[in-house]
Amino acid sequence: MKKIYFIALVILPLLSFGQELVTVNDEKETQVKGFKMYPNPAYGEEIYITTTSNAKKNIKVYDVFGELVLVDKISTNTLDISRLVPGVYVLQVTEDKKTMTRKLVIK
């Protein structure tokens, strides 16, 4: 019976703390008009990011642990991802003070 109380007192609080919301940034996210990212999943060394205005974009790529693994500024619609290993990433695109966040899969 003491083991059950011990488990309840130790394990349950740990489980409840693991349910907190995790965000990549603290800025308010707004929609970038006409946002498209392709191909996804990516098989090559680059992906294409287009928007309605096609202005300069600041790109940040995070791995599944939340570490920043790629930072780039692009004025075209092509992002070089050749330095990234296959896996799942979070891609954050900022254009004209508006930000979009999408999942990126590299195979």
Protein backbone atom coordinates (compact mmCIF):
# COMPACT_ATOMS: atom_id res chain seq x y z
CA MET A 1 0.00 0.00 0.00
CA LYS A 2 2.90 2.34 0.73
CA LYS A 3 4.24 1.72 -2.78
CA ILE A 4 0.99 2.93 -4.33
CA TYR A 5 1.11 6.17 -2.33
CA PHE A 6 4.78 6.64 -3.26
CA ILE A 7 4.02 6.17 -6.95
CA ALA A 8 1.04 8.50 -6.77
CA LEU A 9 3.08 11.21 -5.01
CA VAL A 10 6.14 10.97 -7.27
CA ILE A 11 4.90 9.97 -10.72
CA LEU A 12 1.63 11.90 -11.06
CA PRO A 13 3.17 15.38 -10.56
CA LEU A 14 5.85 14.54 -13.12
CA LEU A 15 3.23 13.51 -15.66
CA SER A 16 1.25 16.72 -15.19
CA PHE A 17 4.33 18.92 -15.75
CA GLY A 18 5.04 17.19 -19.07
CA GLN A 19 1.77 18.47 -20.55
CA GLU A 20 2.76 22.15 -20.80
CA LEU A 21 2.56 23.91 -24.16
CA VAL A 22 5.93 24.48 -25.80
CA THR A 23 6.38 27.29 -28.33
CA VAL A 24 9.28 27.98 -30.66
CA ASN A 25 9.05 31.77 -30.30
CA ASP A 26 7.24 34.29 -28.14
CA GLU A 27 6.10 36.53 -31.00
CA LYS A 28 2.47 36.55 -32.03
CA GLU A 29 2.13 34.45 -35.16
CA THR A 30 0.26 35.90 -38.08
CA GLN A 31 -0.51 34.44 -41.47
CA VAL A 32 1.68 35.11 -44.51
CA LYS A 33 -0.65 35.41 -47.51
CA GLY A 34 -0.31 32.76 -50.20
CA PHE A 35 2.29 30.74 -48.26
CA LYS A 36 3.37 27.53 -50.02
CA MET A 37 6.27 25.23 -49.21
CA TYR A 38 7.14 22.31 -51.47
CA PRO A 39 8.16 19.54 -51.79
CA ASN A 40 7.29 18.29 -48.35
CA PRO A 41 8.59 15.70 -47.61
CA ALA A 42 11.78 16.92 -49.28
CA TYR A 43 14.03 14.44 -51.05
CA GLY A 44 16.57 16.79 -52.66
CA GLU A 45 18.87 19.58 -51.51
CA GLU A 46 16.40 22.45 -51.71
CA ILE A 47 12.80 23.37 -51.05
CA TYR A 48 10.71 26.16 -52.51
CA ILE A 49 8.90 28.73 -50.40
CA THR A 50 6.49 31.08 -52.15
CA THR A 51 4.15 33.77 -50.92
CA THR A 52 1.86 36.28 -52.57
CA SER A 53 4.33 39.16 -52.22
CA ASN A 54 7.54 37.06 -52.66
CA ALA A 55 9.49 39.56 -50.54
CA LYS A 56 12.72 38.78 -48.67
CA LYS A 57 12.24 36.04 -46.09
CA ASN A 58 14.04 35.24 -42.87
CA ILE A 59 14.15 31.49 -42.36
CA LYS A 60 14.79 29.60 -39.14
CA VAL A 61 14.78 25.80 -38.94
CA TYR A 62 14.52 23.99 -35.61
CA ASP A 63 15.03 20.29 -34.93
CA VAL A 64 12.65 18.20 -32.82
CA PHE A 65 14.56 19.18 -29.67
CA GLY A 66 13.94 22.89 -30.32
CA GLU A 67 17.54 23.64 -31.28
CA LEU A 68 18.12 26.14 -34.06
CA VAL A 69 19.88 24.21 -36.84
CA LEU A 70 19.62 26.59 -39.83
CA VAL A 71 19.24 30.35 -40.24
CA ASP A 72 19.01 31.90 -43.69
CA LYS A 73 17.72 34.98 -45.51
CA ILE A 74 16.37 34.38 -48.98
CA SER A 75 15.24 36.83 -51.63
CA THR A 76 14.27 34.11 -54.11
CA ASN A 77 11.92 31.23 -53.45
CA THR A 78 14.67 28.60 -52.97
CA LEU A 79 16.03 27.41 -49.61
CA ASP A 80 19.15 25.23 -49.51
CA ILE A 81 18.60 22.35 -47.06
CA SER A 82 21.63 20.26 -48.07
CA ARG A 83 23.20 20.71 -44.60
CA LEU A 84 20.22 19.09 -42.85
CA VAL A 85 20.12 15.36 -42.12
CA PRO A 86 16.91 13.40 -42.76
CA GLY A 87 14.33 13.99 -40.06
CA VAL A 88 11.47 16.19 -38.90
CA TYR A 89 11.97 19.93 -38.47
CA VAL A 90 10.00 23.07 -37.71
CA LEU A 91 10.39 25.75 -40.37
CA GLN A 92 9.71 29.36 -39.37
CA VAL A 93 9.36 31.91 -42.17
CA THR A 94 9.18 35.64 -41.42
CA GLU A 95 8.24 38.06 -44.19
CA ASP A 96 7.16 41.68 -43.73
CA LYS A 97 6.83 41.22 -39.93
CA LYS A 98 4.51 38.25 -40.41
CA THR A 99 5.49 34.74 -39.39
CA MET A 100 4.46 31.25 -40.48
CA THR A 101 5.53 28.02 -38.84
CA ARG A 102 5.26 24.68 -40.62
CA LYS A 103 6.51 21.14 -40.18
CA LEU A 104 9.22 20.12 -42.66
CA VAL A 105 10.12 16.47 -43.30
CA ILE A 106 13.42 15.63 -44.98
CA LYS A 107 13.88 12.09 -46.29
